[in-house]
C-alpha atoms as a PDB file:
ATOM      1  CA  MET A   1     159.418  96.335 129.869  1.00  0.00           C
ATOM      2  CA  GLY A   2     161.192  95.606 133.043  1.00  0.00           C
ATOM      3  CA  SER A   3     164.480  94.907 134.595  1.00  0.00           C
ATOM      4  CA  GLY A   4     166.548  91.868 135.148  1.00  0.00           C
ATOM      5  CA  PHE A   5     170.034  90.519 134.876  1.00  0.00           C
ATOM      6  CA  PHE A   6     172.145  89.556 131.888  1.00  0.00           C
ATOM      7  CA  THR A   7     174.562  86.728 132.637  1.00  0.00           C
ATOM      8  CA  CYS A   8     178.018  87.190 131.142  1.00  0.00           C
ATOM      9  CA  VAL A   9     180.201  84.386 129.807  1.00  0.00           C
ATOM     10  CA  ASP A  10     182.116  84.252 133.103  1.00  0.00           C
ATOM     11  CA  GLY A  11     178.855  83.897 135.065  1.00  0.00           C
ATOM     12  CA  ALA A  12     178.747  87.430 136.491  1.00  0.00           C
ATOM     13  CA  ARG A  13     175.339  89.105 136.408  1.00  0.00           C
ATOM     14  CA  VAL A  14     174.846  92.615 134.992  1.00  0.00           C
ATOM     15  CA  ARG A  15     171.727  94.637 135.930  1.00  0.00           C
ATOM     16  CA  VAL A  16     169.744  95.744 132.855  1.00  0.00           C
ATOM     17  CA  VAL A  17     166.641  97.974 132.868  1.00  0.00           C
ATOM     18  CA  GLU A  18     164.432  98.103 129.759  1.00  0.00           C
ATOM     19  CA  GLU A  19     161.811 100.826 129.323  1.00  0.00           C
ATOM     20  CA  GLY A  20     159.614 102.120 126.529  1.00  0.00           C
ATOM     21  CA  ASP A  21     158.226 100.183 123.578  1.00  0.00           C
ATOM     22  CA  PRO A  22     159.949  96.784 123.314  1.00  0.00           C
ATOM     23  CA  HIS A  23     158.998  96.642 119.613  1.00  0.00           C
ATOM     24  CA  ALA A  24     160.237 100.138 118.722  1.00  0.00           C
ATOM     25  CA  LEU A  25     162.456 100.563 115.671  1.00  0.00           C
ATOM     26  CA  VAL A  26     164.785 102.802 117.699  1.00  0.00           C
ATOM     27  CA  THR A  27     166.735 101.610 120.745  1.00  0.00           C
ATOM     28  CA  VAL A  28     168.602 104.079 122.949  1.00  0.00           C
ATOM     29  CA  VAL A  29     171.316 102.758 125.264  1.00  0.00           C
ATOM     30  CA  LEU A  30     172.162 105.006 128.227  1.00  0.00           C
ATOM     31  CA  VAL A  31     175.588 104.447 129.792  1.00  0.00           C
ATOM     32  CA  HIS A  32     176.377 105.882 133.220  1.00  0.00           C
ATOM     33  CA  CYS A  33     179.582 107.606 134.324  1.00  0.00           C
ATOM     34  CA  TYR A  34     182.263 106.302 136.657  1.00  0.00           C
ATOM     35  CA  ALA A  35     181.132 105.332 140.179  1.00  0.00           C
ATOM     36  CA  LEU A  36     177.409 105.751 139.414  1.00  0.00           C
ATOM     37  CA  ASP A  37     174.662 103.355 138.281  1.00  0.00           C
ATOM     38  CA  HIS A  38     171.659 103.176 135.924  1.00  0.00           C
ATOM     39  CA  GLY A  39     169.719 105.445 138.305  1.00  0.00           C
ATOM     40  CA  GLU A  40     171.751 108.384 136.981  1.00  0.00           C
ATOM     41  CA  TRP A  41     169.212 108.526 134.135  1.00  0.00           C
ATOM     42  CA  ASP A  42     166.004 108.489 136.237  1.00  0.00           C
ATOM     43  CA  ARG A  43     165.332 112.223 135.840  1.00  0.00           C
ATOM     44  CA  LEU A  44     165.938 112.106 132.087  1.00  0.00           C
ATOM     45  CA  MET A  45     163.534 109.271 131.290  1.00  0.00           C
ATOM     46  CA  PRO A  46     160.214 111.225 131.274  1.00  0.00           C
ATOM     47  CA  GLU A  47     161.713 113.966 129.086  1.00  0.00           C
ATOM     48  CA  LEU A  48     163.307 111.471 126.702  1.00  0.00           C
ATOM     49  CA  GLU A  49     159.982 109.722 126.135  1.00  0.00           C
ATOM     50  CA  ARG A  50     158.182 113.064 125.571  1.00  0.00           C
ATOM     51  CA  SER A  51     160.766 114.515 123.220  1.00  0.00           C
ATOM     52  CA  CYS A  52     161.021 111.621 120.762  1.00  0.00           C
ATOM     53  CA  ASP A  53     158.846 111.757 117.655  1.00  0.00           C
ATOM     54  CA  VAL A  54     158.695 107.970 117.420  1.00  0.00           C
ATOM     55  CA  PRO A  55     158.376 105.199 119.993  1.00  0.00           C
ATOM     56  CA  VAL A  56     161.728 104.250 121.508  1.00  0.00           C
ATOM     57  CA  ARG A  57     163.078 101.405 123.565  1.00  0.00           C
ATOM     58  CA  VAL A  58     165.561 102.472 126.244  1.00  0.00           C
ATOM     59  CA  LEU A  59     168.156 100.194 127.808  1.00  0.00           C
ATOM     60  CA  ARG A  60     170.097 101.234 130.911  1.00  0.00           C
ATOM     61  CA  TYR A  61     172.580  99.038 132.708  1.00  0.00           C
ATOM     62  CA  ASP A  62     175.048  99.028 135.573  1.00  0.00           C
ATOM     63  CA  HIS A  63     178.679  98.551 134.564  1.00  0.00           C
ATOM     64  CA  ARG A  64     180.466  95.549 136.047  1.00  0.00           C
ATOM     65  CA  GLY A  65     181.134  96.251 139.719  1.00  0.00           C
ATOM     66  CA  SER A  66     178.737  99.214 139.848  1.00  0.00           C
ATOM     67  CA  GLY A  67     175.201  99.448 141.201  1.00  0.00           C
ATOM     68  CA  GLU A  68     173.581  96.006 141.214  1.00  0.00           C
ATOM     69  CA  SER A  69     176.018  94.387 138.749  1.00  0.00           C
ATOM     70  CA  GLU A  70     178.588  91.911 139.924  1.00  0.00           C
ATOM     71  CA  PRO A  71     182.309  92.673 139.537  1.00  0.00           C
ATOM     72  CA  MET A  72     184.572  90.891 137.072  1.00  0.00           C
ATOM     73  CA  THR A  73     185.806  87.561 138.293  1.00  0.00           C
ATOM     74  CA  ALA A  74     189.371  86.384 138.002  1.00  0.00           C
END
């Protein structure tokens, strides 16, 4: 569990946050809306973990040019 950066083919870094059980059979990917970042899901995380019947792994990321991710390069 943790957060870090994924490096794209063009070298730009995308912020990725991983939470929950890294070995879970179910992975949920949360995608934020326009002009926001992965923090949009902060309030949902405790409820998501409580409401699932099985362990889950949750990935949240910042789109290119949003939050802590770098923009696309030319």
